[in-house]
Every structure is written in C-alpha cells, then in structure tokens.
Amino acid sequence: QVQLVESGGGLVQPGGSLRLSCAASGSRSSFYVMGWYRQAPGKQRDLVASITRGGDTNYADSVKGRFTISRDNAVNTVYLQMNSLKPEDTAVYLCYVKNGYYGMDYWGKGTLVTVSS
C-alpha cells in the first residue's frame, strides 16, 4: 500500500511562484516514477511533469521553462517548483506515483492552486 501526502497549494498572483511537495510512503516500494498531474473544472486530467528514480524528466509543453520537477529519494518526496504562474495554471494538482516498472499507479487527493489577482 502506497500513501501520498501533498502540500504547498494555495492562492498566488500571476507571475508569482509556488512549490508543491508530495511525500510517498509504503514498504517494499520503489516509486519508479513520481510526478504531477492537474485537472481544471470541466477538463481532463493532464500530465504536468514526471521524473524517474534515475532523474529522467518529462514536462508538458505548456509548463516548459517555468516549472521544474525534482525528487529526493532519501525521503521519497517529489517537488514541483512553479514560477511565472499564469491564470490558466489554476487547477487541482495531483501527485502521481508508479510503484515499479510494472507496478500500480497511485494518486494523491490533490491540492488546489489558484492563480488570480
């Protein structure tokens, strides 16, 4: 069983910054892929960024150059540094973990990010 605890969401002005954190826990877990998805009202859930245990990253085109994903394997935590935030970034951000190359997918409850004046 894998459990994910997200933090860092909130209200920020356009052009501002925010850092999301997701701490994963679970015995016999490798957390092969960790990342972030987001879902706005009435829209599908889309990948924002992901990172493998070895450090390979993947970003949505809409956030390249603005967001940076990283992870600390010592504490099983993934981070999303979000800079130059835009109103269109407003969404519920959900932590994602793939527990092993052929493992199960796990989702956090989500943390709301609101970008508004």
Protein backbone atom coordinates (compact mmCIF):
# COMPACT_ATOMS: atom_id res chain seq x y z
CA GLN A 1 0.00 0.00 0.00
CA VAL A 2 1.29 3.42 -1.04
CA GLN A 3 0.18 6.64 0.59
CA LEU A 4 0.79 10.13 -0.79
CA VAL A 5 0.65 13.38 1.16
CA GLU A 6 0.60 16.60 -0.85
CA SER A 7 1.26 20.14 0.33
CA GLY A 8 2.02 23.60 -1.00
CA GLY A 9 -1.12 24.60 -2.84
CA GLY A 10 -2.76 27.96 -2.37
CA LEU A 11 -3.57 31.33 -3.88
CA VAL A 12 -0.88 33.22 -5.78
CA GLN A 13 -0.86 36.27 -8.06
CA PRO A 14 0.02 36.00 -11.75
CA GLY A 15 3.77 35.95 -12.18
CA GLY A 16 4.27 34.52 -8.72
CA SER A 17 5.80 31.25 -7.59
CA LEU A 18 4.71 28.24 -5.62
CA ARG A 19 6.32 24.94 -4.66
CA LEU A 20 4.36 21.73 -4.31
CA SER A 21 5.60 18.74 -2.33
CA CYS A 22 4.44 15.14 -2.26
CA ALA A 23 5.77 12.67 0.27
CA ALA A 24 5.30 9.00 -0.53
CA SER A 25 5.37 6.13 1.90
CA GLY A 26 4.96 2.38 1.74
CA SER A 27 7.03 -0.70 2.43
CA ARG A 28 8.54 -2.63 -0.46
CA SER A 29 8.04 0.38 -2.71
CA SER A 30 10.42 1.66 -5.39
CA PHE A 31 8.48 4.74 -6.57
CA TYR A 32 9.87 4.26 -10.06
CA VAL A 33 8.03 7.29 -11.46
CA MET A 34 6.80 10.28 -9.46
CA GLY A 35 5.06 13.28 -10.90
CA TRP A 36 2.25 15.76 -11.03
CA TYR A 37 -0.97 15.93 -12.99
CA ARG A 38 -3.53 18.71 -12.97
CA GLN A 39 -7.24 18.97 -13.63
CA ALA A 40 -9.27 22.13 -14.10
CA PRO A 41 -13.08 22.18 -13.84
CA GLY A 42 -14.66 20.63 -16.92
CA LYS A 43 -11.33 19.47 -18.32
CA GLN A 44 -9.45 16.18 -18.40
CA ARG A 45 -6.57 15.30 -16.14
CA ASP A 46 -3.28 16.03 -17.89
CA LEU A 47 0.36 15.36 -17.10
CA VAL A 48 2.30 18.38 -15.86
CA ALA A 49 5.68 16.79 -15.17
CA SER A 50 7.19 13.48 -14.16
CA ILE A 51 10.56 12.19 -13.02
CA THR A 52 12.00 8.71 -12.78
CA ARG A 53 14.02 7.36 -9.89
CA GLY A 54 17.12 7.91 -12.00
CA GLY A 55 16.28 11.55 -12.69
CA ASP A 56 14.84 11.49 -16.21
CA THR A 57 12.20 14.22 -16.55
CA ASN A 58 9.23 14.91 -18.78
CA TYR A 59 7.22 18.15 -19.00
CA ALA A 60 4.05 19.31 -20.65
CA ASP A 61 4.79 21.87 -23.35
CA SER A 62 2.67 24.45 -21.54
CA VAL A 63 4.97 24.48 -18.50
CA LYS A 64 8.42 24.03 -20.03
CA GLY A 65 10.78 26.75 -18.89
CA ARG A 66 8.51 27.73 -16.00
CA PHE A 67 8.15 24.58 -13.88
CA THR A 68 10.88 22.32 -12.51
CA ILE A 69 10.32 18.86 -11.10
CA SER A 70 12.77 17.22 -8.72
CA ARG A 71 12.86 14.41 -6.18
CA ASP A 72 14.72 13.42 -3.06
CA ASN A 73 14.93 9.64 -2.98
CA ALA A 74 16.25 9.67 0.58
CA VAL A 75 12.88 10.89 1.82
CA ASN A 76 10.70 9.66 -1.07
CA THR A 77 9.48 13.13 -1.90
CA VAL A 78 8.80 14.79 -5.24
CA TYR A 79 8.68 18.56 -5.70
CA LEU A 80 7.25 20.87 -8.32
CA GLN A 81 8.68 24.37 -8.40
CA MET A 82 6.26 26.59 -10.29
CA ASN A 83 7.45 30.00 -11.47
CA SER A 84 5.86 32.69 -13.65
CA LEU A 85 2.43 31.34 -12.85
CA LYS A 86 -0.47 32.20 -15.15
CA PRO A 87 -4.24 32.17 -14.53
CA GLU A 88 -4.50 29.19 -16.87
CA ASP A 89 -2.36 27.21 -14.42
CA THR A 90 -5.28 27.24 -11.99
CA ALA A 91 -6.24 23.64 -11.27
CA VAL A 92 -6.21 20.85 -8.76
CA TYR A 93 -2.73 19.36 -8.82
CA LEU A 94 -2.48 15.66 -8.04
CA CYS A 95 0.60 13.74 -7.06
CA TYR A 96 1.23 10.56 -9.04
CA VAL A 97 3.41 7.55 -8.32
CA LYS A 98 4.08 4.43 -10.36
CA ASN A 99 5.37 1.88 -7.93
CA GLY A 100 7.81 -0.10 -10.01
CA TYR A 101 8.28 -0.60 -13.73
CA TYR A 102 5.19 -2.82 -13.86
CA GLY A 103 3.70 -1.55 -10.63
CA MET A 104 0.41 0.02 -9.68
CA ASP A 105 -0.48 3.67 -10.16
CA TYR A 106 -1.29 5.75 -7.09
CA TRP A 107 -2.86 9.18 -6.79
CA GLY A 108 -2.90 11.83 -4.11
CA LYS A 109 -6.06 13.61 -3.07
CA GLY A 110 -4.96 16.79 -4.84
CA THR A 111 -4.03 20.30 -3.79
CA LEU A 112 -5.69 23.38 -5.27
CA VAL A 113 -3.56 26.01 -6.98
CA THR A 114 -5.34 29.27 -7.78
CA VAL A 115 -3.58 31.95 -9.82
CA SER A 116 -5.54 35.18 -9.64
CA SER A 117 -5.26 38.86 -8.82
